[in-house]
């Protein structure tokens, strides 16, 4: 059965949506982990963040958290965001309390997956390596799209079988513009 013969308008929308989603995932991953060769230079690529520290091997403490916030220069705090993996957030940060017993995490009741840690927004990211947190002003990560992302189809590649190939493509580059706008903390080794 050839899908195009059964096509409905929603099918093309579905294909565009799925390819667009996969492109967004690839860009998100590159912003964090890109090696700078045929992809953007990620924040975690060697030497991109020079302001670093560690937190306790057995688990992040309130003192570690406040120490990390204190390492970021004041001028970057207004737009600062915390980015961390899901397990680190829910296992070590979500239940943490301040020195006076107040919770460090505040959840938005109107949007259950929006959290703030001591007033700073949190992004939980599946592409952030375990035991790593970045805190900083992400407006200092610059990405340039040399060409608008495109999604195209081609029937010639599957001419004999009647298949259509779909491709999403984006020509872009990215790199942290200012290393001092970010702090990276990792778990201390045993």
N, C-alpha and C. Protein backbone atom coordinates (compact mmCIF):
# COMPACT_ATOMS: atom_id res chain seq x y z
N UNK A 1 0.86 -1.18 0.00
CA UNK A 1 0.00 0.00 0.00
C UNK A 1 0.90 1.23 0.00
N UNK A 2 0.61 2.15 -0.86
CA UNK A 2 1.36 3.40 -0.91
C UNK A 2 0.62 4.43 -0.08
N UNK A 3 1.31 4.99 0.90
CA UNK A 3 0.70 5.94 1.83
C UNK A 3 0.12 7.14 1.09
N UNK A 4 0.86 7.64 0.08
CA UNK A 4 0.39 8.84 -0.63
C UNK A 4 -0.98 8.62 -1.25
N UNK A 5 -1.27 7.38 -1.66
CA UNK A 5 -2.57 7.10 -2.27
C UNK A 5 -3.68 7.25 -1.26
N UNK A 6 -3.38 7.04 0.01
CA UNK A 6 -4.37 7.16 1.07
C UNK A 6 -4.29 8.52 1.75
N UNK A 7 -3.47 9.39 1.20
CA UNK A 7 -3.11 10.63 1.87
C UNK A 7 -4.30 11.49 2.25
N UNK A 8 -4.15 12.11 3.39
CA UNK A 8 -5.07 13.14 3.83
C UNK A 8 -4.21 14.33 4.22
N UNK A 9 -4.81 15.50 4.30
CA UNK A 9 -4.04 16.69 4.63
C UNK A 9 -3.29 16.54 5.94
N UNK A 10 -3.85 15.81 6.87
CA UNK A 10 -3.22 15.66 8.17
C UNK A 10 -1.92 14.87 8.09
N UNK A 11 -1.78 13.99 7.10
CA UNK A 11 -0.56 13.19 6.98
C UNK A 11 0.65 14.08 6.76
N UNK A 12 0.54 15.02 5.84
CA UNK A 12 1.66 15.93 5.58
C UNK A 12 1.97 16.76 6.83
N UNK A 13 0.95 17.20 7.52
CA UNK A 13 1.15 17.94 8.76
C UNK A 13 1.87 17.10 9.80
N UNK A 14 1.51 15.81 9.87
CA UNK A 14 2.15 14.90 10.81
C UNK A 14 3.64 14.74 10.47
N UNK A 15 3.94 14.52 9.20
CA UNK A 15 5.34 14.34 8.77
C UNK A 15 6.16 15.59 9.12
N UNK A 16 5.63 16.76 8.78
CA UNK A 16 6.32 18.02 9.07
C UNK A 16 6.52 18.18 10.57
N UNK A 17 5.51 17.86 11.34
CA UNK A 17 5.60 17.98 12.80
C UNK A 17 6.67 17.05 13.37
N UNK A 18 6.70 15.81 12.92
CA UNK A 18 7.67 14.84 13.43
C UNK A 18 9.10 15.20 13.04
N UNK A 19 9.30 15.60 11.80
CA UNK A 19 10.65 15.98 11.37
C UNK A 19 11.08 17.25 12.10
N UNK A 20 10.17 18.20 12.25
CA UNK A 20 10.47 19.41 13.00
C UNK A 20 10.84 19.11 14.44
N UNK A 21 10.13 18.17 15.05
CA UNK A 21 10.43 17.77 16.43
C UNK A 21 11.82 17.16 16.52
N UNK A 22 12.16 16.30 15.58
CA UNK A 22 13.49 15.66 15.57
C UNK A 22 14.59 16.69 15.35
N UNK A 23 14.33 17.69 14.50
CA UNK A 23 15.31 18.75 14.29
C UNK A 23 15.51 19.56 15.57
N UNK A 24 14.43 19.86 16.27
CA UNK A 24 14.52 20.61 17.52
C UNK A 24 15.32 19.83 18.57
N UNK A 25 15.12 18.52 18.64
CA UNK A 25 15.87 17.67 19.56
C UNK A 25 17.35 17.71 19.23
N UNK A 26 17.69 17.61 17.94
CA UNK A 26 19.09 17.63 17.52
C UNK A 26 19.75 18.97 17.88
N UNK A 27 19.02 20.06 17.69
CA UNK A 27 19.56 21.39 18.02
C UNK A 27 19.74 21.53 19.53
N UNK A 28 18.74 21.08 20.30
CA UNK A 28 18.84 21.14 21.76
C UNK A 28 20.05 20.36 22.26
N UNK A 29 20.24 19.15 21.73
CA UNK A 29 21.38 18.33 22.12
C UNK A 29 22.70 19.00 21.74
N UNK A 30 22.75 19.61 20.56
CA UNK A 30 23.98 20.27 20.10
C UNK A 30 24.32 21.48 20.97
N UNK A 31 23.31 22.21 21.44
CA UNK A 31 23.57 23.37 22.31
C UNK A 31 24.29 22.92 23.58
N UNK A 32 23.97 21.76 24.08
CA UNK A 32 24.63 21.25 25.28
C UNK A 32 25.89 20.46 24.96
N UNK A 33 25.81 19.54 24.00
CA UNK A 33 26.87 18.55 23.81
C UNK A 33 27.61 18.63 22.48
N UNK A 34 27.28 19.59 21.63
CA UNK A 34 27.89 19.67 20.31
C UNK A 34 29.40 19.79 20.37
N UNK A 35 30.08 19.11 19.42
CA UNK A 35 31.54 19.09 19.44
C UNK A 35 32.18 20.18 18.59
N UNK A 36 31.36 20.99 17.89
CA UNK A 36 31.90 22.08 17.09
C UNK A 36 32.39 21.67 15.72
N UNK A 37 32.29 20.41 15.39
CA UNK A 37 32.71 19.91 14.08
C UNK A 37 31.47 19.36 13.38
N UNK A 38 30.99 20.04 12.36
CA UNK A 38 29.75 19.69 11.66
C UNK A 38 28.52 19.81 12.55
N UNK A 39 28.64 20.52 13.64
CA UNK A 39 27.52 20.82 14.53
C UNK A 39 27.94 21.99 15.42
N UNK A 40 26.98 22.66 16.04
CA UNK A 40 27.34 23.78 16.92
C UNK A 40 28.27 23.32 18.05
N UNK A 41 28.99 24.28 18.62
CA UNK A 41 29.84 24.00 19.77
C UNK A 41 28.97 24.09 21.02
N UNK A 42 28.84 22.99 21.71
CA UNK A 42 27.98 22.93 22.88
C UNK A 42 28.62 23.55 24.12
N UNK A 43 27.77 23.91 25.05
CA UNK A 43 28.23 24.49 26.31
C UNK A 43 29.15 23.53 27.07
N UNK A 44 28.91 22.23 26.94
CA UNK A 44 29.70 21.25 27.68
C UNK A 44 30.96 20.81 26.94
N UNK A 45 31.17 21.33 25.73
CA UNK A 45 32.40 21.02 25.00
C UNK A 45 33.58 21.62 25.75
N UNK A 46 34.67 20.93 25.79
CA UNK A 46 35.84 21.32 26.57
C UNK A 46 36.20 22.79 26.42
N UNK A 47 36.31 23.46 27.55
CA UNK A 47 36.77 24.84 27.59
C UNK A 47 35.72 25.90 27.34
N UNK A 48 34.48 25.54 27.06
CA UNK A 48 33.46 26.54 26.77
C UNK A 48 32.97 27.23 28.03
N UNK A 49 32.91 26.51 29.13
CA UNK A 49 32.57 27.10 30.43
C UNK A 49 33.79 26.95 31.31
N UNK A 50 34.35 28.07 31.73
CA UNK A 50 35.57 28.04 32.54
C UNK A 50 35.29 28.20 34.03
N UNK A 51 34.10 28.68 34.39
CA UNK A 51 33.72 28.87 35.77
C UNK A 51 33.02 27.59 36.24
N UNK A 52 33.75 26.73 36.92
CA UNK A 52 33.22 25.41 37.28
C UNK A 52 33.37 25.14 38.77
N UNK A 53 32.68 24.12 39.22
CA UNK A 53 32.77 23.69 40.61
C UNK A 53 32.21 22.30 40.75
N UNK A 54 32.23 21.78 41.96
CA UNK A 54 31.70 20.44 42.22
C UNK A 54 30.72 20.50 43.39
N UNK A 55 29.84 19.49 43.42
CA UNK A 55 28.96 19.33 44.57
C UNK A 55 29.23 17.96 45.18
N UNK A 56 28.72 17.74 46.38
CA UNK A 56 29.02 16.55 47.16
C UNK A 56 28.77 15.27 46.38
N UNK A 57 29.70 14.34 46.53
CA UNK A 57 29.60 13.06 45.85
C UNK A 57 28.35 12.30 46.28
N UNK A 58 27.94 12.44 47.53
CA UNK A 58 26.78 11.72 48.04
C UNK A 58 25.46 12.43 47.76
N UNK A 59 25.51 13.64 47.27
CA UNK A 59 24.28 14.37 46.96
C UNK A 59 24.46 15.87 47.13
N UNK A 60 23.79 16.63 46.30
CA UNK A 60 23.88 18.08 46.38
C UNK A 60 23.26 18.57 47.68
N UNK A 61 23.94 19.51 48.30
CA UNK A 61 23.44 20.12 49.54
C UNK A 61 22.99 21.54 49.25
N UNK A 62 22.30 22.12 50.21
CA UNK A 62 21.89 23.53 50.10
C UNK A 62 23.13 24.42 49.96
N UNK A 63 24.17 24.11 50.72
CA UNK A 63 25.40 24.89 50.65
C UNK A 63 26.02 24.80 49.25
N UNK A 64 26.01 23.60 48.64
CA UNK A 64 26.51 23.45 47.26
C UNK A 64 25.71 24.31 46.29
N UNK A 65 24.39 24.27 46.44
CA UNK A 65 23.50 25.01 45.54
C UNK A 65 23.75 26.51 45.63
N UNK A 66 23.80 27.02 46.84
CA UNK A 66 24.03 28.46 47.03
C UNK A 66 25.43 28.84 46.55
N UNK A 67 26.40 27.95 46.74
CA UNK A 67 27.75 28.20 46.24
C UNK A 67 27.78 28.32 44.73
N UNK A 68 27.01 27.46 44.05
CA UNK A 68 26.93 27.53 42.59
C UNK A 68 26.31 28.85 42.15
N UNK A 69 25.21 29.24 42.79
CA UNK A 69 24.56 30.50 42.44
C UNK A 69 25.51 31.67 42.67
N UNK A 70 26.31 31.59 43.70
CA UNK A 70 27.25 32.65 44.02
C UNK A 70 28.41 32.76 43.05
N UNK A 71 28.72 31.70 42.32
CA UNK A 71 29.84 31.73 41.37
C UNK A 71 29.53 32.52 40.10
N UNK A 72 28.25 32.70 39.79
CA UNK A 72 27.88 33.43 38.57
C UNK A 72 27.96 34.92 38.86
N UNK A 73 28.68 35.69 38.03
CA UNK A 73 28.75 37.14 38.25
C UNK A 73 27.36 37.77 38.28
N UNK A 74 27.20 38.78 39.11
CA UNK A 74 25.91 39.42 39.37
C UNK A 74 25.20 39.87 38.10
N UNK A 75 25.92 40.40 37.14
CA UNK A 75 25.27 40.95 35.95
C UNK A 75 24.52 39.90 35.13
N UNK A 76 24.74 38.61 35.36
CA UNK A 76 24.07 37.57 34.60
C UNK A 76 22.89 36.95 35.35
N UNK A 77 22.67 37.33 36.59
CA UNK A 77 21.62 36.72 37.40
C UNK A 77 20.21 37.08 36.93
N UNK A 78 20.00 38.25 36.39
CA UNK A 78 18.65 38.67 36.03
C UNK A 78 17.99 37.72 35.03
N UNK A 79 18.76 37.16 34.10
CA UNK A 79 18.21 36.25 33.09
C UNK A 79 18.69 34.82 33.28
N UNK A 80 19.21 34.49 34.43
CA UNK A 80 19.82 33.17 34.64
C UNK A 80 18.78 32.07 34.77
N UNK A 81 19.18 30.89 34.29
CA UNK A 81 18.36 29.69 34.32
C UNK A 81 19.24 28.52 34.75
N UNK A 82 18.65 27.57 35.45
CA UNK A 82 19.33 26.32 35.80
C UNK A 82 18.91 25.25 34.82
N UNK A 83 19.88 24.49 34.30
CA UNK A 83 19.59 23.36 33.41
C UNK A 83 20.23 22.13 34.02
N UNK A 84 19.43 21.07 34.17
CA UNK A 84 19.92 19.86 34.81
C UNK A 84 19.13 18.65 34.33
N UNK A 85 19.69 17.44 34.54
CA UNK A 85 18.95 16.23 34.17
C UNK A 85 17.81 15.96 35.15
N UNK A 86 16.82 15.26 34.68
CA UNK A 86 15.62 14.95 35.45
C UNK A 86 15.93 14.26 36.79
N UNK A 87 16.76 13.23 36.77
CA UNK A 87 17.04 12.49 38.01
C UNK A 87 17.70 13.37 39.07
N UNK A 88 18.62 14.20 38.66
CA UNK A 88 19.29 15.08 39.62
C UNK A 88 18.28 16.05 40.24
N UNK A 89 17.41 16.60 39.39
CA UNK A 89 16.42 17.54 39.92
C UNK A 89 15.49 16.86 40.92
N UNK A 90 14.86 15.76 40.52
CA UNK A 90 13.85 15.14 41.38
C UNK A 90 14.44 14.38 42.56
N UNK A 91 15.64 13.83 42.42
CA UNK A 91 16.22 13.05 43.51
C UNK A 91 16.99 13.89 44.53
N UNK A 92 17.52 15.05 44.10
CA UNK A 92 18.38 15.80 45.02
C UNK A 92 17.95 17.24 45.26
N UNK A 93 17.30 17.87 44.31
CA UNK A 93 16.96 19.29 44.46
C UNK A 93 15.51 19.47 44.92
N UNK A 94 14.60 18.69 44.36
CA UNK A 94 13.17 18.91 44.59
C UNK A 94 12.79 18.89 46.07
N UNK A 95 13.39 18.06 46.87
CA UNK A 95 13.05 17.98 48.29
C UNK A 95 13.96 18.80 49.19
N UNK A 96 14.89 19.52 48.62
CA UNK A 96 15.86 20.28 49.41
C UNK A 96 15.20 21.45 50.13
N UNK A 97 15.73 21.77 51.30
CA UNK A 97 15.23 22.91 52.08
C UNK A 97 16.36 23.89 52.36
N UNK A 98 15.99 25.14 52.55
CA UNK A 98 16.95 26.18 52.93
C UNK A 98 17.41 25.94 54.36
N UNK A 99 18.34 26.75 54.83
CA UNK A 99 18.84 26.63 56.20
C UNK A 99 17.73 26.89 57.22
N UNK A 100 16.67 27.61 56.82
CA UNK A 100 15.55 27.89 57.73
C UNK A 100 14.37 26.94 57.53
N UNK A 101 14.55 25.91 56.69
CA UNK A 101 13.51 24.90 56.51
C UNK A 101 12.51 25.17 55.39
N UNK A 102 12.70 26.22 54.62
CA UNK A 102 11.81 26.50 53.50
C UNK A 102 12.24 25.68 52.28
N UNK A 103 11.27 25.25 51.45
CA UNK A 103 11.65 24.50 50.24
C UNK A 103 12.39 25.41 49.25
N UNK A 104 13.41 24.86 48.58
CA UNK A 104 14.13 25.64 47.58
C UNK A 104 13.40 25.64 46.24
N UNK A 105 12.53 24.64 46.04
CA UNK A 105 11.80 24.52 44.77
C UNK A 105 10.38 25.02 44.94
N UNK A 106 9.95 25.85 44.02
CA UNK A 106 8.57 26.32 43.98
C UNK A 106 8.00 25.89 42.63
N UNK A 107 6.86 25.22 42.69
CA UNK A 107 6.20 24.74 41.47
C UNK A 107 5.10 25.70 41.09
N UNK A 108 4.94 25.94 39.78
CA UNK A 108 3.88 26.80 39.27
C UNK A 108 2.58 26.00 39.23
N UNK A 109 1.56 26.38 40.03
CA UNK A 109 0.32 25.60 40.05
C UNK A 109 -0.44 25.66 38.71
N UNK A 110 -0.20 26.69 37.92
CA UNK A 110 -0.87 26.80 36.62
C UNK A 110 -0.17 25.98 35.53
N UNK A 111 1.10 25.65 35.74
CA UNK A 111 1.88 24.86 34.79
C UNK A 111 2.73 23.88 35.59
N UNK A 112 2.22 22.68 35.85
CA UNK A 112 2.86 21.75 36.78
C UNK A 112 4.31 21.37 36.48
N UNK A 113 4.76 21.53 35.24
CA UNK A 113 6.15 21.18 34.93
C UNK A 113 7.07 22.40 34.91
N UNK A 114 6.59 23.53 35.42
CA UNK A 114 7.46 24.71 35.55
C UNK A 114 7.87 24.84 37.01
N UNK A 115 9.18 24.87 37.20
CA UNK A 115 9.73 24.94 38.56
C UNK A 115 10.68 26.12 38.66
N UNK A 116 10.82 26.65 39.86
CA UNK A 116 11.83 27.64 40.18
C UNK A 116 12.64 27.11 41.36
N UNK A 117 13.94 27.33 41.31
CA UNK A 117 14.81 26.99 42.43
C UNK A 117 15.37 28.30 42.96
N UNK A 118 14.97 28.64 44.16
CA UNK A 118 15.37 29.90 44.79
C UNK A 118 15.11 31.09 43.86
N UNK A 119 14.01 31.01 43.12
CA UNK A 119 13.59 32.10 42.24
C UNK A 119 14.08 31.99 40.81
N UNK A 120 14.97 31.06 40.51
CA UNK A 120 15.50 30.91 39.15
C UNK A 120 14.76 29.80 38.42
N UNK A 121 14.37 30.04 37.16
CA UNK A 121 13.69 28.99 36.40
C UNK A 121 14.59 27.79 36.18
N UNK A 122 13.96 26.62 36.08
CA UNK A 122 14.67 25.36 35.87
C UNK A 122 14.23 24.76 34.54
N UNK A 123 15.21 24.31 33.77
CA UNK A 123 14.94 23.52 32.57
C UNK A 123 15.47 22.13 32.85
N UNK A 124 14.58 21.15 32.78
CA UNK A 124 14.97 19.75 32.95
C UNK A 124 15.21 19.22 31.55
N UNK A 125 16.43 18.74 31.31
CA UNK A 125 16.82 18.38 29.95
C UNK A 125 17.37 16.96 29.90
N UNK A 126 16.81 16.16 29.00
CA UNK A 126 17.23 14.77 28.87
C UNK A 126 18.61 14.63 28.23
N UNK A 127 19.15 15.69 27.66
CA UNK A 127 20.46 15.62 27.02
C UNK A 127 21.58 16.15 27.90
N UNK A 128 21.23 16.60 29.08
CA UNK A 128 22.23 17.03 30.05
C UNK A 128 22.81 15.77 30.69
N UNK A 129 24.13 15.64 30.70
CA UNK A 129 24.72 14.45 31.32
C UNK A 129 24.36 14.35 32.80
N UNK A 130 24.30 13.12 33.28
CA UNK A 130 24.02 12.89 34.69
C UNK A 130 25.05 13.62 35.53
N UNK A 131 24.63 14.08 36.70
CA UNK A 131 25.53 14.70 37.67
C UNK A 131 26.14 16.01 37.18
N UNK A 132 25.41 16.75 36.32
CA UNK A 132 25.89 18.02 35.79
C UNK A 132 24.77 19.05 35.83
N UNK A 133 25.11 20.27 36.23
CA UNK A 133 24.17 21.39 36.22
C UNK A 133 24.87 22.58 35.57
N UNK A 134 24.14 23.27 34.71
CA UNK A 134 24.62 24.54 34.17
C UNK A 134 23.69 25.63 34.71
N UNK A 135 24.28 26.70 35.19
CA UNK A 135 23.55 27.87 35.65
C UNK A 135 24.10 29.06 34.90
N UNK A 136 23.22 29.79 34.24
CA UNK A 136 23.73 30.95 33.50
C UNK A 136 22.67 31.66 32.70
N UNK A 137 23.12 32.68 31.99
CA UNK A 137 22.28 33.50 31.12
C UNK A 137 22.40 32.96 29.70
N UNK A 138 21.41 32.19 29.29
CA UNK A 138 21.47 31.50 28.00
C UNK A 138 21.31 32.44 26.81
N UNK A 139 21.04 33.72 27.05
CA UNK A 139 21.03 34.66 25.93
C UNK A 139 22.46 34.86 25.41
N UNK A 140 23.46 34.41 26.16
CA UNK A 140 24.85 34.49 25.72
C UNK A 140 25.30 33.23 24.98
N UNK A 141 24.37 32.35 24.67
CA UNK A 141 24.65 31.27 23.73
C UNK A 141 24.07 31.75 22.41
N UNK A 142 24.91 31.95 21.43
CA UNK A 142 24.48 32.51 20.15
C UNK A 142 24.38 31.42 19.10
N UNK A 143 23.26 31.43 18.39
CA UNK A 143 23.04 30.48 17.31
C UNK A 143 22.66 31.28 16.07
N UNK A 144 23.30 30.95 14.96
CA UNK A 144 23.04 31.62 13.69
C UNK A 144 22.52 30.61 12.68
N UNK A 145 21.33 30.85 12.18
CA UNK A 145 20.78 30.03 11.12
C UNK A 145 21.17 30.68 9.80
N UNK A 146 22.07 30.04 9.05
CA UNK A 146 22.51 30.57 7.76
C UNK A 146 21.40 30.45 6.73
N UNK A 147 20.48 29.56 6.99
CA UNK A 147 19.34 29.32 6.10
C UNK A 147 18.19 28.82 6.97
N UNK A 148 16.99 29.23 6.64
CA UNK A 148 15.84 28.75 7.40
C UNK A 148 15.74 27.23 7.31
N UNK A 149 15.33 26.56 8.40
CA UNK A 149 15.15 25.11 8.33
C UNK A 149 14.14 24.75 7.24
N UNK A 150 14.41 23.66 6.54
CA UNK A 150 13.53 23.21 5.47
C UNK A 150 13.17 21.74 5.67
N UNK A 151 12.00 21.39 5.20
CA UNK A 151 11.56 20.00 5.16
C UNK A 151 11.12 19.74 3.73
N UNK A 152 11.76 18.74 3.11
CA UNK A 152 11.51 18.45 1.70
C UNK A 152 11.22 16.97 1.52
N UNK A 153 10.56 16.66 0.41
CA UNK A 153 10.33 15.27 0.05
C UNK A 153 10.93 15.00 -1.32
N UNK A 154 11.28 13.72 -1.56
CA UNK A 154 11.88 13.32 -2.83
C UNK A 154 11.37 11.93 -3.20
N UNK A 155 10.81 11.82 -4.38
CA UNK A 155 10.31 10.53 -4.85
C UNK A 155 11.35 9.77 -5.66
N UNK A 156 12.39 10.45 -6.16
CA UNK A 156 13.34 9.80 -7.06
C UNK A 156 14.17 8.73 -6.35
N UNK A 157 14.47 8.91 -5.09
CA UNK A 157 15.30 7.94 -4.37
C UNK A 157 14.59 6.59 -4.24
N UNK A 158 13.30 6.58 -4.16
CA UNK A 158 12.55 5.34 -4.03
C UNK A 158 11.70 5.06 -5.25
N UNK A 159 12.19 5.43 -6.43
CA UNK A 159 11.41 5.32 -7.66
C UNK A 159 10.89 3.90 -7.89
N UNK A 160 11.75 2.88 -7.77
CA UNK A 160 11.34 1.50 -8.05
C UNK A 160 10.32 0.98 -7.05
N UNK A 161 10.44 1.42 -5.81
CA UNK A 161 9.55 0.90 -4.77
C UNK A 161 8.35 1.80 -4.52
N UNK A 162 8.33 2.98 -5.12
CA UNK A 162 7.22 3.91 -4.92
C UNK A 162 7.29 4.64 -3.58
N UNK A 163 8.47 4.67 -2.98
CA UNK A 163 8.63 5.32 -1.67
C UNK A 163 8.97 6.80 -1.83
N UNK A 164 8.60 7.56 -0.83
CA UNK A 164 8.96 8.96 -0.76
C UNK A 164 9.88 9.16 0.43
N UNK A 165 10.97 9.87 0.21
CA UNK A 165 11.93 10.16 1.27
C UNK A 165 11.67 11.59 1.76
N UNK A 166 11.63 11.77 3.07
CA UNK A 166 11.44 13.09 3.65
C UNK A 166 12.73 13.48 4.37
N UNK A 167 13.09 14.75 4.25
CA UNK A 167 14.33 15.22 4.87
C UNK A 167 14.10 16.58 5.50
N UNK A 168 14.61 16.73 6.71
CA UNK A 168 14.65 18.03 7.36
C UNK A 168 16.09 18.49 7.41
N UNK A 169 16.32 19.76 7.11
CA UNK A 169 17.69 20.25 7.09
C UNK A 169 17.75 21.67 7.64
N UNK A 170 18.77 21.92 8.44
CA UNK A 170 19.02 23.26 8.95
C UNK A 170 20.52 23.53 8.84
N UNK A 171 20.86 24.67 8.29
CA UNK A 171 22.26 25.07 8.20
C UNK A 171 22.45 26.14 9.27
N UNK A 172 23.21 25.79 10.30
CA UNK A 172 23.34 26.68 11.45
C UNK A 172 24.65 26.44 12.15
N UNK A 173 25.00 27.36 13.01
CA UNK A 173 26.15 27.18 13.89
C UNK A 173 25.84 27.89 15.20
N UNK A 174 26.48 27.48 16.25
CA UNK A 174 26.25 28.08 17.54
C UNK A 174 27.46 27.91 18.44
N UNK A 175 27.55 28.81 19.42
CA UNK A 175 28.67 28.76 20.35
C UNK A 175 28.39 29.71 21.50
N UNK A 176 28.88 29.38 22.70
CA UNK A 176 28.76 30.35 23.80
C UNK A 176 29.53 31.62 23.43
N UNK A 177 28.87 32.77 23.55
CA UNK A 177 29.51 34.04 23.20
C UNK A 177 30.36 34.58 24.33
N UNK A 178 30.04 34.17 25.55
CA UNK A 178 30.75 34.71 26.71
C UNK A 178 30.80 33.63 27.80
N UNK A 179 31.97 33.07 28.01
CA UNK A 179 32.11 31.96 28.97
C UNK A 179 31.71 32.38 30.38
N UNK A 180 31.96 33.62 30.75
CA UNK A 180 31.67 34.05 32.13
C UNK A 180 30.18 34.13 32.45
N UNK A 181 29.32 33.98 31.43
CA UNK A 181 27.87 34.03 31.65
C UNK A 181 27.31 32.69 32.13
N UNK A 182 28.19 31.70 32.33
CA UNK A 182 27.76 30.35 32.70
C UNK A 182 28.63 29.79 33.82
N UNK A 183 28.01 28.93 34.63
CA UNK A 183 28.70 28.16 35.66
C UNK A 183 28.31 26.71 35.45
N UNK A 184 29.28 25.82 35.54
CA UNK A 184 29.00 24.39 35.42
C UNK A 184 29.44 23.69 36.70
N UNK A 185 28.53 22.95 37.31
CA UNK A 185 28.85 22.15 38.49
C UNK A 185 28.66 20.68 38.15
N UNK A 186 29.58 19.86 38.62
CA UNK A 186 29.49 18.41 38.43
C UNK A 186 29.70 17.73 39.79
N UNK A 187 29.26 16.49 39.86
CA UNK A 187 29.41 15.74 41.11
C UNK A 187 30.89 15.44 41.35
N UNK A 188 31.34 15.64 42.56
CA UNK A 188 32.72 15.33 42.91
C UNK A 188 32.96 13.83 42.81
N UNK A 189 34.14 13.46 42.37
CA UNK A 189 34.49 12.04 42.27
C UNK A 189 34.84 11.51 43.64
N UNK A 190 34.60 10.21 43.81
CA UNK A 190 34.87 9.58 45.12
C UNK A 190 36.34 9.55 45.42
